[in-house]
Amino acid sequence: MALAARKQLTETKPAFERWLDGLSEANRTVVLGWLEDTSIANHRVADWVREDDEDDDFHGYPAAKDTIANARSRRGIVRTA
């Protein structure tokens, strides 16, 4: 891949996805688990994502419930409850 193309690919990725990519592997696994668990409401996941946690070196993201719904949709996760 050409160097110039890398910037273009990065810019098309949603900010939430770029934030996820920047998490430690452990924290990313936790957040992806929240997204995959359809028993957890979008607004609840958004609440958890926004909160920093110094103990786990977790720096939150200003997510709204729609951000979580979109992230789930991109992954083919459909929340029915």
PDB file of N, CA and C in Angstrom:
ATOM      1  N   MET A   1       0.848  -1.177   0.000  1.00  0.00           N
ATOM      2  CA  MET A   1       0.000   0.000   0.000  1.00  0.00           C
ATOM      3  C   MET A   1       0.890   1.235   0.000  1.00  0.00           C
ATOM      4  N   ALA A   2       0.523   2.195  -0.822  1.00  0.00           N
ATOM      5  CA  ALA A   2       1.278   3.441  -0.897  1.00  0.00           C
ATOM      6  C   ALA A   2       1.074   4.238   0.391  1.00  0.00           C
ATOM      7  N   LEU A   3       2.099   4.964   0.763  1.00  0.00           N
ATOM      8  CA  LEU A   3       2.010   5.776   1.981  1.00  0.00           C
ATOM      9  C   LEU A   3       0.849   6.752   1.920  1.00  0.00           C
ATOM     10  N   ALA A   4       0.618   7.369   0.787  1.00  0.00           N
ATOM     11  CA  ALA A   4      -0.474   8.341   0.655  1.00  0.00           C
ATOM     12  C   ALA A   4      -1.829   7.683   0.885  1.00  0.00           C
ATOM     13  N   ALA A   5      -1.993   6.436   0.531  1.00  0.00           N
ATOM     14  CA  ALA A   5      -3.260   5.734   0.679  1.00  0.00           C
ATOM     15  C   ALA A   5      -3.582   5.457   2.138  1.00  0.00           C
ATOM     16  N   ARG A   6      -2.589   5.301   2.971  1.00  0.00           N
ATOM     17  CA  ARG A   6      -2.823   5.021   4.393  1.00  0.00           C
ATOM     18  C   ARG A   6      -3.618   6.133   5.053  1.00  0.00           C
ATOM     19  N   LYS A   7      -3.266   7.379   4.780  1.00  0.00           N
ATOM     20  CA  LYS A   7      -3.976   8.514   5.369  1.00  0.00           C
ATOM     21  C   LYS A   7      -5.433   8.494   4.925  1.00  0.00           C
ATOM     22  N   GLN A   8      -5.686   8.222   3.675  1.00  0.00           N
ATOM     23  CA  GLN A   8      -7.044   8.194   3.159  1.00  0.00           C
ATOM     24  C   GLN A   8      -7.872   7.115   3.859  1.00  0.00           C
ATOM     25  N   LEU A   9      -7.304   5.943   4.090  1.00  0.00           N
ATOM     26  CA  LEU A   9      -8.017   4.879   4.774  1.00  0.00           C
ATOM     27  C   LEU A   9      -8.350   5.260   6.202  1.00  0.00           C
ATOM     28  N   THR A  10      -7.419   5.895   6.886  1.00  0.00           N
ATOM     29  CA  THR A  10      -7.631   6.308   8.266  1.00  0.00           C
ATOM     30  C   THR A  10      -8.754   7.328   8.370  1.00  0.00           C
ATOM     31  N   GLU A  11      -8.812   8.250   7.445  1.00  0.00           N
ATOM     32  CA  GLU A  11      -9.804   9.312   7.512  1.00  0.00           C
ATOM     33  C   GLU A  11     -11.219   8.809   7.270  1.00  0.00           C
ATOM     34  N   THR A  12     -11.368   7.673   6.594  1.00  0.00           N
ATOM     35  CA  THR A  12     -12.710   7.171   6.332  1.00  0.00           C
ATOM     36  C   THR A  12     -13.249   6.330   7.490  1.00  0.00           C
ATOM     37  N   LYS A  13     -12.388   5.949   8.394  1.00  0.00           N
ATOM     38  CA  LYS A  13     -12.809   5.147   9.543  1.00  0.00           C
ATOM     39  C   LYS A  13     -13.452   6.073  10.573  1.00  0.00           C
ATOM     40  N   PRO A  14     -14.623   5.698  11.108  1.00  0.00           N
ATOM     41  CA  PRO A  14     -15.275   6.549  12.118  1.00  0.00           C
ATOM     42  C   PRO A  14     -14.367   6.776  13.340  1.00  0.00           C
ATOM     43  N   ALA A  15     -14.550   7.916  13.970  1.00  0.00           N
ATOM     44  CA  ALA A  15     -13.728   8.291  15.124  1.00  0.00           C
ATOM     45  C   ALA A  15     -13.799   7.245  16.232  1.00  0.00           C
ATOM     46  N   PHE A  16     -14.988   6.687  16.465  1.00  0.00           N
ATOM     47  CA  PHE A  16     -15.124   5.674  17.510  1.00  0.00           C
ATOM     48  C   PHE A  16     -14.256   4.457  17.196  1.00  0.00           C
ATOM     49  N   GLU A  17     -14.207   4.058  15.929  1.00  0.00           N
ATOM     50  CA  GLU A  17     -13.389   2.909  15.529  1.00  0.00           C
ATOM     51  C   GLU A  17     -11.905   3.214  15.691  1.00  0.00           C
ATOM     52  N   ARG A  18     -11.507   4.437  15.388  1.00  0.00           N
ATOM     53  CA  ARG A  18     -10.102   4.823  15.589  1.00  0.00           C
ATOM     54  C   ARG A  18      -9.766   4.810  17.072  1.00  0.00           C
ATOM     55  N   TRP A  19     -10.713   5.249  17.915  1.00  0.00           N
ATOM     56  CA  TRP A  19     -10.514   5.218  19.370  1.00  0.00           C
ATOM     57  C   TRP A  19     -10.344   3.773  19.828  1.00  0.00           C
ATOM     58  N   LEU A  20     -11.207   2.877  19.334  1.00  0.00           N
ATOM     59  CA  LEU A  20     -11.094   1.457  19.683  1.00  0.00           C
ATOM     60  C   LEU A  20      -9.729   0.899  19.303  1.00  0.00           C
ATOM     61  N   ASP A  21      -9.267   1.258  18.117  1.00  0.00           N
ATOM     62  CA  ASP A  21      -7.965   0.782  17.640  1.00  0.00           C
ATOM     63  C   ASP A  21      -6.827   1.221  18.558  1.00  0.00           C
ATOM     64  N   GLY A  22      -7.006   2.357  19.227  1.00  0.00           N
ATOM     65  CA  GLY A  22      -5.964   2.889  20.096  1.00  0.00           C
ATOM     66  C   GLY A  22      -5.954   2.315  21.507  1.00  0.00           C
ATOM     67  N   LEU A  23      -6.957   1.524  21.846  1.00  0.00           N
ATOM     68  CA  LEU A  23      -7.019   0.931  23.185  1.00  0.00           C
ATOM     69  C   LEU A  23      -6.009  -0.201  23.335  1.00  0.00           C
ATOM     70  N   SER A  24      -5.639  -0.464  24.573  1.00  0.00           N
ATOM     71  CA  SER A  24      -4.818  -1.643  24.832  1.00  0.00           C
ATOM     72  C   SER A  24      -5.629  -2.875  24.432  1.00  0.00           C
ATOM     73  N   GLU A  25      -4.955  -3.963  24.195  1.00  0.00           N
ATOM     74  CA  GLU A  25      -5.650  -5.184  23.781  1.00  0.00           C
ATOM     75  C   GLU A  25      -6.688  -5.615  24.819  1.00  0.00           C
ATOM     76  N   ALA A  26      -6.326  -5.526  26.091  1.00  0.00           N
ATOM     77  CA  ALA A  26      -7.247  -5.933  27.158  1.00  0.00           C
ATOM     78  C   ALA A  26      -8.487  -5.042  27.188  1.00  0.00           C
ATOM     79  N   ASN A  27      -8.286  -3.724  27.110  1.00  0.00           N
ATOM     80  CA  ASN A  27      -9.425  -2.804  27.154  1.00  0.00           C
ATOM     81  C   ASN A  27     -10.289  -2.933  25.903  1.00  0.00           C
ATOM     82  N   ARG A  28      -9.648  -3.149  24.760  1.00  0.00           N
ATOM     83  CA  ARG A  28     -10.412  -3.324  23.517  1.00  0.00           C
ATOM     84  C   ARG A  28     -11.287  -4.577  23.612  1.00  0.00           C
ATOM     85  N   THR A  29     -10.756  -5.634  24.172  1.00  0.00           N
ATOM     86  CA  THR A  29     -11.516  -6.876  24.338  1.00  0.00           C
ATOM     87  C   THR A  29     -12.737  -6.644  25.218  1.00  0.00           C
ATOM     88  N   VAL A  30     -12.574  -5.881  26.287  1.00  0.00           N
ATOM     89  CA  VAL A  30     -13.695  -5.581  27.189  1.00  0.00           C
ATOM     90  C   VAL A  30     -14.769  -4.788  26.453  1.00  0.00           C
ATOM     91  N   VAL A  31     -14.375  -3.730  25.758  1.00  0.00           N
ATOM     92  CA  VAL A  31     -15.352  -2.888  25.065  1.00  0.00           C
ATOM     93  C   VAL A  31     -16.051  -3.679  23.956  1.00  0.00           C
ATOM     94  N   LEU A  32     -15.312  -4.478  23.214  1.00  0.00           N
ATOM     95  CA  LEU A  32     -15.938  -5.305  22.180  1.00  0.00           C
ATOM     96  C   LEU A  32     -16.917  -6.301  22.799  1.00  0.00           C
ATOM     97  N   GLY A  33     -16.602  -6.795  23.977  1.00  0.00           N
ATOM     98  CA  GLY A  33     -17.526  -7.677  24.691  1.00  0.00           C
ATOM     99  C   GLY A  33     -18.818  -6.971  25.034  1.00  0.00           C
ATOM    100  N   TRP A  34     -18.712  -5.707  25.460  1.00  0.00           N
ATOM    101  CA  TRP A  34     -19.919  -4.920  25.738  1.00  0.00           C
ATOM    102  C   TRP A  34     -20.753  -4.762  24.475  1.00  0.00           C
ATOM    103  N   LEU A  35     -20.082  -4.460  23.358  1.00  0.00           N
ATOM    104  CA  LEU A  35     -20.800  -4.266  22.098  1.00  0.00           C
ATOM    105  C   LEU A  35     -21.508  -5.548  21.666  1.00  0.00           C
ATOM    106  N   GLU A  36     -20.870  -6.674  21.869  1.00  0.00           N
ATOM    107  CA  GLU A  36     -21.425  -7.955  21.427  1.00  0.00           C
ATOM    108  C   GLU A  36     -22.540  -8.473  22.325  1.00  0.00           C
ATOM    109  N   ASP A  37     -22.600  -8.000  23.551  1.00  0.00           N
ATOM    110  CA  ASP A  37     -23.614  -8.460  24.496  1.00  0.00           C
ATOM    111  C   ASP A  37     -24.915  -7.693  24.255  1.00  0.00           C
ATOM    112  N   THR A  38     -25.841  -8.316  23.541  1.00  0.00           N
ATOM    113  CA  THR A  38     -27.078  -7.620  23.172  1.00  0.00           C
ATOM    114  C   THR A  38     -28.041  -7.423  24.344  1.00  0.00           C
ATOM    115  N   SER A  39     -27.722  -7.978  25.504  1.00  0.00           N
ATOM    116  CA  SER A  39     -28.570  -7.732  26.672  1.00  0.00           C
ATOM    117  C   SER A  39     -28.259  -6.384  27.326  1.00  0.00           C
ATOM    118  N   ILE A  40     -27.184  -5.736  26.895  1.00  0.00           N
ATOM    119  CA  ILE A  40     -26.799  -4.423  27.436  1.00  0.00           C
ATOM    120  C   ILE A  40     -27.294  -3.342  26.485  1.00  0.00           C
ATOM    121  N   ALA A  41     -28.048  -2.408  27.015  1.00  0.00           N
ATOM    122  CA  ALA A  41     -28.610  -1.317  26.207  1.00  0.00           C
ATOM    123  C   ALA A  41     -27.513  -0.412  25.656  1.00  0.00           C
ATOM    124  N   ASN A  42     -27.789   0.172  24.504  1.00  0.00           N
ATOM    125  CA  ASN A  42     -26.833   1.091  23.874  1.00  0.00           C
ATOM    126  C   ASN A  42     -26.447   2.232  24.801  1.00  0.00           C
ATOM    127  N   HIS A  43     -27.432   2.807  25.502  1.00  0.00           N
ATOM    128  CA  HIS A  43     -27.112   3.944  26.377  1.00  0.00           C
ATOM    129  C   HIS A  43     -26.225   3.520  27.547  1.00  0.00           C
ATOM    130  N   ARG A  44     -26.371   2.286  28.011  1.00  0.00           N
ATOM    131  CA  ARG A  44     -25.544   1.806  29.120  1.00  0.00           C
ATOM    132  C   ARG A  44     -24.094   1.623  28.652  1.00  0.00           C
ATOM    133  N   VAL A  45     -23.906   1.042  27.483  1.00  0.00           N
ATOM    134  CA  VAL A  45     -22.552   0.881  26.938  1.00  0.00           C
ATOM    135  C   VAL A  45     -21.926   2.259  26.731  1.00  0.00           C
ATOM    136  N   ALA A  46     -22.703   3.208  26.221  1.00  0.00           N
ATOM    137  CA  ALA A  46     -22.195   4.566  26.024  1.00  0.00           C
ATOM    138  C   ALA A  46     -21.752   5.177  27.354  1.00  0.00           C
ATOM    139  N   ASP A  47     -22.535   4.961  28.414  1.00  0.00           N
ATOM    140  CA  ASP A  47     -22.154   5.458  29.744  1.00  0.00           C
ATOM    141  C   ASP A  47     -20.797   4.886  30.154  1.00  0.00           C
ATOM    142  N   TRP A  48     -20.629   3.577  29.983  1.00  0.00           N
ATOM    143  CA  TRP A  48     -19.385   2.919  30.389  1.00  0.00           C
ATOM    144  C   TRP A  48     -18.206   3.382  29.553  1.00  0.00           C
ATOM    145  N   VAL A  49     -18.430   3.579  28.256  1.00  0.00           N
ATOM    146  CA  VAL A  49     -17.355   3.993  27.352  1.00  0.00           C
ATOM    147  C   VAL A  49     -16.878   5.409  27.684  1.00  0.00           C
ATOM    148  N   ARG A  50     -17.778   6.263  28.144  1.00  0.00           N
ATOM    149  CA  ARG A  50     -17.409   7.655  28.450  1.00  0.00           C
ATOM    150  C   ARG A  50     -16.552   7.800  29.705  1.00  0.00           C
ATOM    151  N   GLU A  51     -16.651   6.844  30.603  1.00  0.00           N
ATOM    152  CA  GLU A  51     -15.964   6.965  31.892  1.00  0.00           C
ATOM    153  C   GLU A  51     -14.506   6.526  31.811  1.00  0.00           C
ATOM    154  N   ASP A  52     -13.596   7.414  32.236  1.00  0.00           N
ATOM    155  CA  ASP A  52     -12.182   7.048  32.342  1.00  0.00           C
ATOM    156  C   ASP A  52     -11.998   6.108  33.523  1.00  0.00           C
ATOM    157  N   ASP A  53     -10.981   5.274  33.460  1.00  0.00           N
ATOM    158  CA  ASP A  53     -10.630   4.388  34.571  1.00  0.00           C
ATOM    159  C   ASP A  53      -9.115   4.338  34.673  1.00  0.00           C
ATOM    160  N   GLU A  54      -8.593   5.095  35.623  1.00  0.00           N
ATOM    161  CA  GLU A  54      -7.140   5.182  35.783  1.00  0.00           C
ATOM    162  C   GLU A  54      -6.516   3.843  36.132  1.00  0.00           C
ATOM    163  N   ASP A  55      -7.221   3.007  36.894  1.00  0.00           N
ATOM    164  CA  ASP A  55      -6.673   1.713  37.300  1.00  0.00           C
ATOM    165  C   ASP A  55      -6.375   0.815  36.102  1.00  0.00           C
ATOM    166  N   ASP A  56      -7.181   0.932  35.059  1.00  0.00           N
ATOM    167  CA  ASP A  56      -6.993   0.114  33.864  1.00  0.00           C
ATOM    168  C   ASP A  56      -6.405   0.904  32.702  1.00  0.00           C
ATOM    169  N   ASP A  57      -5.946   2.132  32.956  1.00  0.00           N
ATOM    170  CA  ASP A  57      -5.406   3.001  31.919  1.00  0.00           C
ATOM    171  C   ASP A  57      -6.403   3.116  30.756  1.00  0.00           C
ATOM    172  N   PHE A  58      -7.662   3.335  31.108  1.00  0.00           N
ATOM    173  CA  PHE A  58      -8.733   3.442  30.136  1.00  0.00           C
ATOM    174  C   PHE A  58      -9.142   4.898  30.009  1.00  0.00           C
ATOM    175  N   HIS A  59      -8.998   5.439  28.809  1.00  0.00           N
ATOM    176  CA  HIS A  59      -9.397   6.811  28.550  1.00  0.00           C
ATOM    177  C   HIS A  59     -10.653   6.775  27.696  1.00  0.00           C
ATOM    178  N   GLY A  60     -11.752   7.244  28.270  1.00  0.00           N
ATOM    179  CA  GLY A  60     -13.054   7.138  27.644  1.00  0.00           C
ATOM    180  C   GLY A  60     -13.204   7.912  26.350  1.00  0.00           C
ATOM    181  N   TYR A  61     -14.319   7.637  25.713  1.00  0.00           N
ATOM    182  CA  TYR A  61     -14.679   8.286  24.447  1.00  0.00           C
ATOM    183  C   TYR A  61     -16.063   8.901  24.625  1.00  0.00           C
ATOM    184  N   PRO A  62     -16.289  10.122  24.123  1.00  0.00           N
ATOM    185  CA  PRO A  62     -17.584  10.782  24.316  1.00  0.00           C
ATOM    186  C   PRO A  62     -18.686  10.173  23.439  1.00  0.00           C
ATOM    187  N   ALA A  63     -19.022   8.941  23.720  1.00  0.00           N
ATOM    188  CA  ALA A  63     -19.994   8.199  22.918  1.00  0.00           C
ATOM    189  C   ALA A  63     -21.422   8.506  23.347  1.00  0.00           C
ATOM    190  N   ALA A  64     -22.303   8.515  22.372  1.00  0.00           N
ATOM    191  CA  ALA A  64     -23.745   8.598  22.606  1.00  0.00           C
ATOM    192  C   ALA A  64     -24.339   7.236  22.267  1.00  0.00           C
ATOM    193  N   LYS A  65     -25.588   7.027  22.618  1.00  0.00           N
ATOM    194  CA  LYS A  65     -26.211   5.734  22.337  1.00  0.00           C
ATOM    195  C   LYS A  65     -26.224   5.442  20.836  1.00  0.00           C
ATOM    196  N   ASP A  66     -26.338   6.476  20.007  1.00  0.00           N
ATOM    197  CA  ASP A  66     -26.313   6.275  18.556  1.00  0.00           C
ATOM    198  C   ASP A  66     -24.938   5.816  18.076  1.00  0.00           C
ATOM    199  N   THR A  67     -23.886   6.291  18.722  1.00  0.00           N
ATOM    200  CA  THR A  67     -22.532   5.849  18.396  1.00  0.00           C
ATOM    201  C   THR A  67     -22.411   4.351  18.616  1.00  0.00           C
ATOM    202  N   ILE A  68     -22.948   3.892  19.736  1.00  0.00           N
ATOM    203  CA  ILE A  68     -22.891   2.460  20.065  1.00  0.00           C
ATOM    204  C   ILE A  68     -23.765   1.666  19.097  1.00  0.00           C
ATOM    205  N   ALA A  69     -24.945   2.176  18.791  1.00  0.00           N
ATOM    206  CA  ALA A  69     -25.829   1.497  17.836  1.00  0.00           C
ATOM    207  C   ALA A  69     -25.143   1.357  16.478  1.00  0.00           C
ATOM    208  N   ASN A  70     -24.458   2.402  16.038  1.00  0.00           N
ATOM    209  CA  ASN A  70     -23.748   2.353  14.762  1.00  0.00           C
ATOM    210  C   ASN A  70     -22.593   1.369  14.800  1.00  0.00           C
ATOM    211  N   ALA A  71     -21.858   1.348  15.901  1.00  0.00           N
ATOM    212  CA  ALA A  71     -20.732   0.411  16.037  1.00  0.00           C
ATOM    213  C   ALA A  71     -21.242  -1.021  16.013  1.00  0.00           C
ATOM    214  N   ARG A  72     -22.350  -1.262  16.667  1.00  0.00           N
ATOM    215  CA  ARG A  72     -22.948  -2.607  16.654  1.00  0.00           C
ATOM    216  C   ARG A  72     -23.418  -2.967  15.248  1.00  0.00           C
ATOM    217  N   SER A  73     -24.053  -2.045  14.593  1.00  0.00           N
ATOM    218  CA  SER A  73     -24.568  -2.281  13.241  1.00  0.00           C
ATOM    219  C   SER A  73     -23.431  -2.626  12.275  1.00  0.00           C
ATOM    220  N   ARG A  74     -22.318  -1.909  12.363  1.00  0.00           N
ATOM    221  CA  ARG A  74     -21.160  -2.187  11.502  1.00  0.00           C
ATOM    222  C   ARG A  74     -20.619  -3.602  11.722  1.00  0.00           C
ATOM    223  N   ARG A  75     -20.837  -4.132  12.907  1.00  0.00           N
ATOM    224  CA  ARG A  75     -20.357  -5.480  13.236  1.00  0.00           C
ATOM    225  C   ARG A  75     -21.440  -6.550  13.016  1.00  0.00           C
ATOM    226  N   GLY A  76     -22.599  -6.131  12.553  1.00  0.00           N
ATOM    227  CA  GLY A  76     -23.689  -7.075  12.319  1.00  0.00           C
ATOM    228  C   GLY A  76     -24.380  -7.522  13.592  1.00  0.00           C
ATOM    229  N   ILE A  77     -24.249  -6.741  14.657  1.00  0.00           N
ATOM    230  CA  ILE A  77     -24.865  -7.064  15.940  1.00  0.00           C
ATOM    231  C   ILE A  77     -26.201  -6.334  16.013  1.00  0.00           C
ATOM    232  N   VAL A  78     -27.269  -7.082  16.176  1.00  0.00           N
ATOM    233  CA  VAL A  78     -28.604  -6.503  16.242  1.00  0.00           C
ATOM    234  C   VAL A  78     -29.137  -6.677  17.640  1.00  0.00           C
ATOM    235  N   ARG A  79     -29.441  -5.576  18.278  1.00  0.00           N
ATOM    236  CA  ARG A  79     -30.007  -5.603  19.625  1.00  0.00           C
ATOM    237  C   ARG A  79     -31.519  -5.619  19.515  1.00  0.00           C
ATOM    238  N   THR A  80     -32.151  -6.654  20.045  1.00  0.00           N
ATOM    239  CA  THR A  80     -33.602  -6.791  19.927  1.00  0.00           C
ATOM    240  C   THR A  80     -34.349  -6.315  21.161  1.00  0.00           C
ATOM    241  N   ALA A  81     -33.671  -6.225  22.300  1.00  0.00           N
ATOM    242  CA  ALA A  81     -34.344  -5.828  23.547  1.00  0.00           C
ATOM    243  C   ALA A  81     -34.318  -4.322  23.719  1.00  0.00           C
TER     244      ALA A  81
END
